[in-house]
All heavy atoms as atom14 arrays in JSON, in Angstrom:
{
  "sequence": "RGGLAHYIVIKDEKIDNYQAVVPSTWNAGPRDPQNQAGA",
  "atom14_mask": [
    [1, 1, 1, 1, 1, 1, 1, 1, 1, 1, 1, 0, 0, 0],
    [1, 1, 1, 1, 0, 0, 0, 0, 0, 0, 0, 0, 0, 0],
    [1, 1, 1, 1, 0, 0, 0, 0, 0, 0, 0, 0, 0, 0],
    [1, 1, 1, 1, 1, 1, 1, 1, 0, 0, 0, 0, 0, 0],
    [1, 1, 1, 1, 1, 0, 0, 0, 0, 0, 0, 0, 0, 0],
    [1, 1, 1, 1, 1, 1, 1, 1, 1, 1, 0, 0, 0, 0],
    [1, 1, 1, 1, 1, 1, 1, 1, 1, 1, 1, 1, 0, 0],
    [1, 1, 1, 1, 1, 1, 1, 1, 0, 0, 0, 0, 0, 0],
    [1, 1, 1, 1, 1, 1, 1, 0, 0, 0, 0, 0, 0, 0],
    [1, 1, 1, 1, 1, 1, 1, 1, 0, 0, 0, 0, 0, 0],
    [1, 1, 1, 1, 1, 1, 1, 1, 1, 0, 0, 0, 0, 0],
    [1, 1, 1, 1, 1, 1, 1, 1, 0, 0, 0, 0, 0, 0],
    [1, 1, 1, 1, 1, 1, 1, 1, 1, 0, 0, 0, 0, 0],
    [1, 1, 1, 1, 1, 1, 1, 1, 1, 0, 0, 0, 0, 0],
    [1, 1, 1, 1, 1, 1, 1, 1, 0, 0, 0, 0, 0, 0],
    [1, 1, 1, 1, 1, 1, 1, 1, 0, 0, 0, 0, 0, 0],
    [1, 1, 1, 1, 1, 1, 1, 1, 0, 0, 0, 0, 0, 0],
    [1, 1, 1, 1, 1, 1, 1, 1, 1, 1, 1, 1, 0, 0],
    [1, 1, 1, 1, 1, 1, 1, 1, 1, 0, 0, 0, 0, 0],
    [1, 1, 1, 1, 1, 0, 0, 0, 0, 0, 0, 0, 0, 0],
    [1, 1, 1, 1, 1, 1, 1, 0, 0, 0, 0, 0, 0, 0],
    [1, 1, 1, 1, 1, 1, 1, 0, 0, 0, 0, 0, 0, 0],
    [1, 1, 1, 1, 1, 1, 1, 0, 0, 0, 0, 0, 0, 0],
    [1, 1, 1, 1, 1, 1, 0, 0, 0, 0, 0, 0, 0, 0],
    [1, 1, 1, 1, 1, 1, 1, 0, 0, 0, 0, 0, 0, 0],
    [1, 1, 1, 1, 1, 1, 1, 1, 1, 1, 1, 1, 1, 1],
    [1, 1, 1, 1, 1, 1, 1, 1, 0, 0, 0, 0, 0, 0],
    [1, 1, 1, 1, 1, 0, 0, 0, 0, 0, 0, 0, 0, 0],
    [1, 1, 1, 1, 0, 0, 0, 0, 0, 0, 0, 0, 0, 0],
    [1, 1, 1, 1, 1, 1, 1, 0, 0, 0, 0, 0, 0, 0],
    [1, 1, 1, 1, 1, 1, 1, 1, 1, 1, 1, 0, 0, 0],
    [1, 1, 1, 1, 1, 1, 1, 1, 0, 0, 0, 0, 0, 0],
    [1, 1, 1, 1, 1, 1, 1, 0, 0, 0, 0, 0, 0, 0],
    [1, 1, 1, 1, 1, 1, 1, 1, 1, 0, 0, 0, 0, 0],
    [1, 1, 1, 1, 1, 1, 1, 1, 0, 0, 0, 0, 0, 0],
    [1, 1, 1, 1, 1, 1, 1, 1, 1, 0, 0, 0, 0, 0],
    [1, 1, 1, 1, 1, 0, 0, 0, 0, 0, 0, 0, 0, 0],
    [1, 1, 1, 1, 0, 0, 0, 0, 0, 0, 0, 0, 0, 0],
    [1, 1, 1, 1, 1, 0, 0, 0, 0, 0, 0, 0, 0, 0]
  ],
  "atom14_positions": [
    [[-53.14, 22.76, 31.09], [-52.53, 22.61, 32.42], [-51.04, 22.91, 32.43], [-50.41, 22.83, 33.48], [-52.77, 21.19, 32.94], [-54.22, 20.91, 33.27], [-54.44, 19.49, 33.75], [-55.83, 19.28, 34.12], [-56.79, 18.9, 33.27], [-56.49, 18.68, 32.0], [-58.03, 18.74, 33.68], [0.0, 0.0, 0.0], [0.0, 0.0, 0.0], [0.0, 0.0, 0.0]],
    [[-50.45, 23.22, 31.27], [-49.04, 23.56, 31.26], [-48.28, 22.92, 30.13], [-48.84, 22.31, 29.22], [0.0, 0.0, 0.0], [0.0, 0.0, 0.0], [0.0, 0.0, 0.0], [0.0, 0.0, 0.0], [0.0, 0.0, 0.0], [0.0, 0.0, 0.0], [0.0, 0.0, 0.0], [0.0, 0.0, 0.0], [0.0, 0.0, 0.0], [0.0, 0.0, 0.0]],
    [[-46.94, 23.03, 30.2], [-46.08, 22.54, 29.15], [-46.21, 21.04, 28.94], [-46.07, 20.24, 29.86], [0.0, 0.0, 0.0], [0.0, 0.0, 0.0], [0.0, 0.0, 0.0], [0.0, 0.0, 0.0], [0.0, 0.0, 0.0], [0.0, 0.0, 0.0], [0.0, 0.0, 0.0], [0.0, 0.0, 0.0], [0.0, 0.0, 0.0], [0.0, 0.0, 0.0]],
    [[-46.48, 20.65, 27.68], [-46.63, 19.25, 27.29], [-45.61, 18.93, 26.21], [-45.53, 19.64, 25.21], [-48.04, 19.0, 26.77], [-48.31, 17.66, 26.08], [-48.18, 16.51, 27.06], [-49.68, 17.66, 25.43], [0.0, 0.0, 0.0], [0.0, 0.0, 0.0], [0.0, 0.0, 0.0], [0.0, 0.0, 0.0], [0.0, 0.0, 0.0], [0.0, 0.0, 0.0]],
    [[-44.81, 17.87, 26.41], [-43.81, 17.49, 25.42], [-43.84, 15.99, 25.21], [-43.93, 15.22, 26.17], [-42.42, 17.93, 25.86], [0.0, 0.0, 0.0], [0.0, 0.0, 0.0], [0.0, 0.0, 0.0], [0.0, 0.0, 0.0], [0.0, 0.0, 0.0], [0.0, 0.0, 0.0], [0.0, 0.0, 0.0], [0.0, 0.0, 0.0], [0.0, 0.0, 0.0]],
    [[-43.77, 15.58, 23.94], [-43.67, 14.17, 23.57], [-42.33, 13.99, 22.86], [-42.06, 14.65, 21.86], [-44.82, 13.76, 22.65], [-46.12, 13.6, 23.36], [-47.0, 12.58, 23.06], [-46.7, 14.31, 24.36], [-48.07, 12.66, 23.85], [-47.91, 13.72, 24.62], [0.0, 0.0, 0.0], [0.0, 0.0, 0.0], [0.0, 0.0, 0.0], [0.0, 0.0, 0.0]],
    [[-41.52, 13.1, 23.39], [-40.2, 12.82, 22.84], [-40.22, 11.48, 22.1], [-40.77, 10.5, 22.61], [-39.16, 12.77, 23.95], [-38.91, 14.09, 24.64], [-39.75, 14.54, 25.66], [-37.82, 14.88, 24.29], [-39.51, 15.74, 26.31], [-37.57, 16.09, 24.94], [-38.43, 16.51, 25.94], [-38.19, 17.7, 26.59], [0.0, 0.0, 0.0], [0.0, 0.0, 0.0]],
    [[-39.58, 11.42, 20.93], [-39.6, 10.21, 20.13], [-38.22, 9.92, 19.56], [-37.48, 10.84, 19.19], [-40.64, 10.3, 19.0], [-40.84, 8.94, 18.31], [-40.25, 11.36, 17.98], [-42.04, 8.91, 17.36], [0.0, 0.0, 0.0], [0.0, 0.0, 0.0], [0.0, 0.0, 0.0], [0.0, 0.0, 0.0], [0.0, 0.0, 0.0], [0.0, 0.0, 0.0]],
    [[-37.87, 8.65, 19.55], [-36.67, 8.17, 18.87], [-37.13, 7.17, 17.81], [-37.89, 6.24, 18.11], [-35.69, 7.49, 19.85], [-34.47, 6.95, 19.08], [-35.25, 8.47, 20.92], [0.0, 0.0, 0.0], [0.0, 0.0, 0.0], [0.0, 0.0, 0.0], [0.0, 0.0, 0.0], [0.0, 0.0, 0.0], [0.0, 0.0, 0.0], [0.0, 0.0, 0.0]],
    [[-36.72, 7.37, 16.57], [-37.14, 6.53, 15.45], [-35.91, 5.84, 14.86], [-34.88, 6.48, 14.63], [-37.84, 7.37, 14.36], [-39.11, 8.01, 14.92], [-38.19, 6.5, 13.15], [-39.79, 8.97, 13.96], [0.0, 0.0, 0.0], [0.0, 0.0, 0.0], [0.0, 0.0, 0.0], [0.0, 0.0, 0.0], [0.0, 0.0, 0.0], [0.0, 0.0, 0.0]],
    [[-36.02, 4.54, 14.64], [-34.97, 3.77, 13.98], [-35.61, 2.92, 12.89], [-36.56, 2.18, 13.17], [-34.22, 2.9, 14.97], [-33.39, 3.69, 15.98], [-32.58, 2.78, 16.9], [-31.75, 3.6, 17.88], [-30.97, 2.71, 18.8], [0.0, 0.0, 0.0], [0.0, 0.0, 0.0], [0.0, 0.0, 0.0], [0.0, 0.0, 0.0], [0.0, 0.0, 0.0]],
    [[-35.09, 3.02, 11.67], [-35.58, 2.25, 10.54], [-37.1, 2.39, 10.38], [-37.83, 1.4, 10.21], [-35.2, 0.78, 10.69], [-33.69, 0.58, 10.71], [-33.01, 1.32, 9.99], [-33.22, -0.29, 11.46], [0.0, 0.0, 0.0], [0.0, 0.0, 0.0], [0.0, 0.0, 0.0], [0.0, 0.0, 0.0], [0.0, 0.0, 0.0], [0.0, 0.0, 0.0]],
    [[-37.58, 3.64, 10.47], [-38.98, 4.0, 10.25], [-39.93, 3.46, 11.33], [-41.15, 3.49, 11.16], [-39.46, 3.53, 8.86], [-38.65, 4.1, 7.71], [-39.16, 3.64, 6.36], [-40.31, 3.17, 6.29], [-38.41, 3.74, 5.38], [0.0, 0.0, 0.0], [0.0, 0.0, 0.0], [0.0, 0.0, 0.0], [0.0, 0.0, 0.0], [0.0, 0.0, 0.0]],
    [[-39.37, 2.97, 12.45], [-40.21, 2.47, 13.54], [-39.87, 3.22, 14.83], [-38.75, 3.7, 15.01], [-40.0, 0.97, 13.76], [-40.44, 0.11, 12.58], [-40.19, -1.37, 12.87], [-40.6, -2.23, 11.69], [-40.33, -3.67, 11.95], [0.0, 0.0, 0.0], [0.0, 0.0, 0.0], [0.0, 0.0, 0.0], [0.0, 0.0, 0.0], [0.0, 0.0, 0.0]],
    [[-40.85, 3.29, 15.72], [-40.63, 3.95, 17.0], [-39.74, 3.07, 17.87], [-40.07, 1.92, 18.17], [-41.97, 4.21, 17.73], [-42.84, 5.17, 16.91], [-41.71, 4.78, 19.12], [-44.23, 5.35, 17.47], [0.0, 0.0, 0.0], [0.0, 0.0, 0.0], [0.0, 0.0, 0.0], [0.0, 0.0, 0.0], [0.0, 0.0, 0.0], [0.0, 0.0, 0.0]],
    [[-38.58, 3.61, 18.27], [-37.67, 2.89, 19.15], [-37.87, 3.27, 20.61], [-37.69, 2.45, 21.5], [-36.22, 3.17, 18.74], [-35.21, 2.34, 19.51], [-35.22, 1.11, 19.34], [-34.44, 2.92, 20.29], [0.0, 0.0, 0.0], [0.0, 0.0, 0.0], [0.0, 0.0, 0.0], [0.0, 0.0, 0.0], [0.0, 0.0, 0.0], [0.0, 0.0, 0.0]],
    [[-38.25, 4.52, 20.86], [-38.55, 4.98, 22.22], [-39.52, 6.14, 22.14], [-39.43, 6.97, 21.24], [-37.28, 5.4, 22.96], [-37.48, 5.51, 24.47], [-38.55, 5.19, 25.0], [-36.45, 5.95, 25.18], [0.0, 0.0, 0.0], [0.0, 0.0, 0.0], [0.0, 0.0, 0.0], [0.0, 0.0, 0.0], [0.0, 0.0, 0.0], [0.0, 0.0, 0.0]],
    [[-40.45, 6.17, 23.06], [-41.45, 7.26, 23.08], [-41.74, 7.59, 24.55], [-42.12, 6.71, 25.33], [-42.74, 6.82, 22.39], [-43.66, 7.96, 22.0], [-43.76, 8.38, 20.67], [-44.42, 8.64, 22.94], [-44.58, 9.42, 20.29], [-45.24, 9.68, 22.58], [-45.32, 10.07, 21.25], [-46.15, 11.12, 20.89], [0.0, 0.0, 0.0], [0.0, 0.0, 0.0]],
    [[-41.53, 8.83, 24.92], [-41.74, 9.27, 26.29], [-42.52, 10.58, 26.28], [-42.21, 11.48, 25.49], [-40.41, 9.48, 27.02], [-39.54, 8.25, 27.12], [-40.03, 7.27, 28.16], [-40.57, 7.65, 29.21], [-39.84, 5.98, 27.91], [0.0, 0.0, 0.0], [0.0, 0.0, 0.0], [0.0, 0.0, 0.0], [0.0, 0.0, 0.0], [0.0, 0.0, 0.0]],
    [[-43.52, 10.68, 27.12], [-44.31, 11.91, 27.25], [-44.06, 12.51, 28.63], [-44.14, 11.82, 29.64], [-45.79, 11.62, 27.07], [0.0, 0.0, 0.0], [0.0, 0.0, 0.0], [0.0, 0.0, 0.0], [0.0, 0.0, 0.0], [0.0, 0.0, 0.0], [0.0, 0.0, 0.0], [0.0, 0.0, 0.0], [0.0, 0.0, 0.0], [0.0, 0.0, 0.0]],
    [[-43.73, 13.79, 28.64], [-43.59, 14.54, 29.9], [-44.74, 15.54, 29.93], [-44.71, 16.55, 29.23], [-42.23, 15.25, 29.99], [-42.08, 15.91, 31.36], [-41.09, 14.25, 29.76], [0.0, 0.0, 0.0], [0.0, 0.0, 0.0], [0.0, 0.0, 0.0], [0.0, 0.0, 0.0], [0.0, 0.0, 0.0], [0.0, 0.0, 0.0], [0.0, 0.0, 0.0]],
    [[-45.74, 15.24, 30.73], [-47.0, 15.98, 30.68], [-47.08, 17.0, 31.82], [-46.3, 16.93, 32.78], [-48.2, 15.01, 30.74], [-48.1, 13.97, 29.62], [-48.27, 14.31, 32.1], [0.0, 0.0, 0.0], [0.0, 0.0, 0.0], [0.0, 0.0, 0.0], [0.0, 0.0, 0.0], [0.0, 0.0, 0.0], [0.0, 0.0, 0.0], [0.0, 0.0, 0.0]],
    [[-48.01, 17.97, 31.75], [-48.08, 18.99, 32.8], [-48.2, 18.43, 34.21], [-47.52, 18.91, 35.14], [-49.32, 19.8, 32.41], [-49.43, 19.64, 30.94], [-48.95, 18.25, 30.64], [0.0, 0.0, 0.0], [0.0, 0.0, 0.0], [0.0, 0.0, 0.0], [0.0, 0.0, 0.0], [0.0, 0.0, 0.0], [0.0, 0.0, 0.0], [0.0, 0.0, 0.0]],
    [[-49.06, 17.43, 34.39], [-49.23, 16.9, 35.75], [-48.01, 16.11, 36.22], [-47.87, 15.87, 37.42], [-50.49, 16.03, 35.83], [-51.65, 16.84, 35.71], [0.0, 0.0, 0.0], [0.0, 0.0, 0.0], [0.0, 0.0, 0.0], [0.0, 0.0, 0.0], [0.0, 0.0, 0.0], [0.0, 0.0, 0.0], [0.0, 0.0, 0.0], [0.0, 0.0, 0.0]],
    [[-47.13, 15.68, 35.3], [-45.87, 15.08, 35.74], [-45.01, 16.14, 36.41], [-44.42, 15.9, 37.46], [-45.1, 14.48, 34.55], [-46.0, 13.79, 33.69], [-44.03, 13.52, 35.03], [0.0, 0.0, 0.0], [0.0, 0.0, 0.0], [0.0, 0.0, 0.0], [0.0, 0.0, 0.0], [0.0, 0.0, 0.0], [0.0, 0.0, 0.0], [0.0, 0.0, 0.0]],
    [[-44.96, 17.33, 35.8], [-44.2, 18.42, 36.42], [-44.82, 18.83, 37.75], [-44.11, 18.98, 38.76], [-44.17, 19.63, 35.48], [-43.25, 19.49, 34.32], [-43.59, 19.22, 33.02], [-41.83, 19.62, 34.33], [-42.47, 19.17, 32.22], [-41.38, 19.41, 32.99], [-40.89, 19.89, 35.31], [-40.02, 19.47, 32.64], [-39.54, 19.94, 34.97], [-39.13, 19.73, 33.65]],
    [[-46.13, 19.03, 37.78], [-46.76, 19.6, 38.97], [-47.0, 18.59, 40.08], [-46.86, 18.91, 41.26], [-48.08, 20.27, 38.6], [-47.9, 21.54, 37.8], [-46.86, 22.2, 37.89], [-48.9, 21.91, 37.02], [0.0, 0.0, 0.0], [0.0, 0.0, 0.0], [0.0, 0.0, 0.0], [0.0, 0.0, 0.0], [0.0, 0.0, 0.0], [0.0, 0.0, 0.0]],
    [[-47.4, 17.38, 39.72], [-47.81, 16.4, 40.72], [-46.75, 15.35, 40.99], [-46.96, 14.46, 41.81], [-49.11, 15.71, 40.28], [0.0, 0.0, 0.0], [0.0, 0.0, 0.0], [0.0, 0.0, 0.0], [0.0, 0.0, 0.0], [0.0, 0.0, 0.0], [0.0, 0.0, 0.0], [0.0, 0.0, 0.0], [0.0, 0.0, 0.0], [0.0, 0.0, 0.0]],
    [[-45.62, 15.41, 40.29], [-44.58, 14.41, 40.47], [-44.03, 14.38, 41.88], [-44.1, 15.38, 42.63], [0.0, 0.0, 0.0], [0.0, 0.0, 0.0], [0.0, 0.0, 0.0], [0.0, 0.0, 0.0], [0.0, 0.0, 0.0], [0.0, 0.0, 0.0], [0.0, 0.0, 0.0], [0.0, 0.0, 0.0], [0.0, 0.0, 0.0], [0.0, 0.0, 0.0]],
    [[-43.44, 13.25, 42.28], [-42.92, 13.1, 43.64], [-41.56, 13.77, 43.81], [-41.06, 14.44, 42.9], [-42.8, 11.58, 43.78], [-42.49, 11.12, 42.39], [-43.28, 12.03, 41.48], [0.0, 0.0, 0.0], [0.0, 0.0, 0.0], [0.0, 0.0, 0.0], [0.0, 0.0, 0.0], [0.0, 0.0, 0.0], [0.0, 0.0, 0.0], [0.0, 0.0, 0.0]],
    [[-40.97, 13.56, 44.97], [-39.65, 14.13, 45.25], [-38.57, 13.41, 44.44], [-38.75, 12.3, 43.99], [-39.35, 14.02, 46.75], [-40.16, 15.02, 47.58], [-39.94, 14.79, 49.05], [-40.73, 13.64, 49.52], [-40.53, 13.05, 50.7], [-39.56, 13.46, 51.49], [-41.29, 12.04, 51.07], [0.0, 0.0, 0.0], [0.0, 0.0, 0.0], [0.0, 0.0, 0.0]],
    [[-37.45, 14.09, 44.28], [-36.33, 13.54, 43.51], [-35.24, 13.05, 44.46], [-35.41, 13.09, 45.68], [-35.81, 14.59, 42.52], [-35.33, 15.86, 43.21], [-34.97, 15.79, 44.4], [-35.32, 16.93, 42.56], [0.0, 0.0, 0.0], [0.0, 0.0, 0.0], [0.0, 0.0, 0.0], [0.0, 0.0, 0.0], [0.0, 0.0, 0.0], [0.0, 0.0, 0.0]],
    [[-34.1, 12.56, 43.95], [-33.05, 12.07, 44.86], [-32.52, 13.12, 45.83], [-32.0, 12.78, 46.89], [-31.95, 11.61, 43.88], [-32.66, 11.27, 42.63], [-33.79, 12.26, 42.53], [0.0, 0.0, 0.0], [0.0, 0.0, 0.0], [0.0, 0.0, 0.0], [0.0, 0.0, 0.0], [0.0, 0.0, 0.0], [0.0, 0.0, 0.0], [0.0, 0.0, 0.0]],
    [[-32.64, 14.39, 45.47], [-32.22, 15.47, 46.39], [-33.33, 15.89, 47.35], [-33.22, 16.88, 48.06], [-31.74, 16.68, 45.58], [-30.36, 16.52, 44.96], [-30.36, 15.5, 43.84], [-31.23, 15.52, 42.96], [-29.39, 14.59, 43.86], [0.0, 0.0, 0.0], [0.0, 0.0, 0.0], [0.0, 0.0, 0.0], [0.0, 0.0, 0.0], [0.0, 0.0, 0.0]],
    [[-34.44, 15.14, 47.32], [-35.58, 15.37, 48.19], [-36.31, 16.67, 47.87], [-37.04, 17.21, 48.71], [-35.19, 15.36, 49.67], [-36.3, 14.82, 50.55], [-37.03, 13.9, 50.16], [-36.44, 15.38, 51.73], [0.0, 0.0, 0.0], [0.0, 0.0, 0.0], [0.0, 0.0, 0.0], [0.0, 0.0, 0.0], [0.0, 0.0, 0.0], [0.0, 0.0, 0.0]],
    [[-36.14, 17.18, 46.64], [-36.91, 18.35, 46.22], [-38.35, 17.94, 45.92], [-38.58, 17.0, 45.14], [-36.31, 18.96, 44.94], [-34.95, 19.56, 45.08], [-34.49, 20.16, 43.77], [-34.57, 21.37, 43.54], [-33.98, 19.32, 42.87], [0.0, 0.0, 0.0], [0.0, 0.0, 0.0], [0.0, 0.0, 0.0], [0.0, 0.0, 0.0], [0.0, 0.0, 0.0]],
    [[-39.28, 18.62, 46.52], [-40.69, 18.32, 46.3], [-41.14, 18.84, 44.94], [-40.57, 19.8, 44.41], [-41.54, 18.93, 47.4], [0.0, 0.0, 0.0], [0.0, 0.0, 0.0], [0.0, 0.0, 0.0], [0.0, 0.0, 0.0], [0.0, 0.0, 0.0], [0.0, 0.0, 0.0], [0.0, 0.0, 0.0], [0.0, 0.0, 0.0], [0.0, 0.0, 0.0]],
    [[-42.18, 18.21, 44.39], [-42.83, 18.74, 43.21], [-43.73, 19.91, 43.57], [-43.85, 20.28, 44.75], [0.0, 0.0, 0.0], [0.0, 0.0, 0.0], [0.0, 0.0, 0.0], [0.0, 0.0, 0.0], [0.0, 0.0, 0.0], [0.0, 0.0, 0.0], [0.0, 0.0, 0.0], [0.0, 0.0, 0.0], [0.0, 0.0, 0.0], [0.0, 0.0, 0.0]],
    [[-44.39, 20.48, 42.57], [-45.17, 21.71, 42.78], [-46.34, 21.5, 43.75], [-46.58, 22.36, 44.61], [-45.66, 22.25, 41.44], [0.0, 0.0, 0.0], [0.0, 0.0, 0.0], [0.0, 0.0, 0.0], [0.0, 0.0, 0.0], [0.0, 0.0, 0.0], [0.0, 0.0, 0.0], [0.0, 0.0, 0.0], [0.0, 0.0, 0.0], [0.0, 0.0, 0.0]]
  ]
}
């Protein structure tokens, strides 16, 4: 369905933050503060 990215921050061999930006987030996501619509 499109570009898929998983972002990770590791501290002391443990996951400190993990965020996934998936294809449907890009395509189906809502409007932003500038009122730009998603795909």
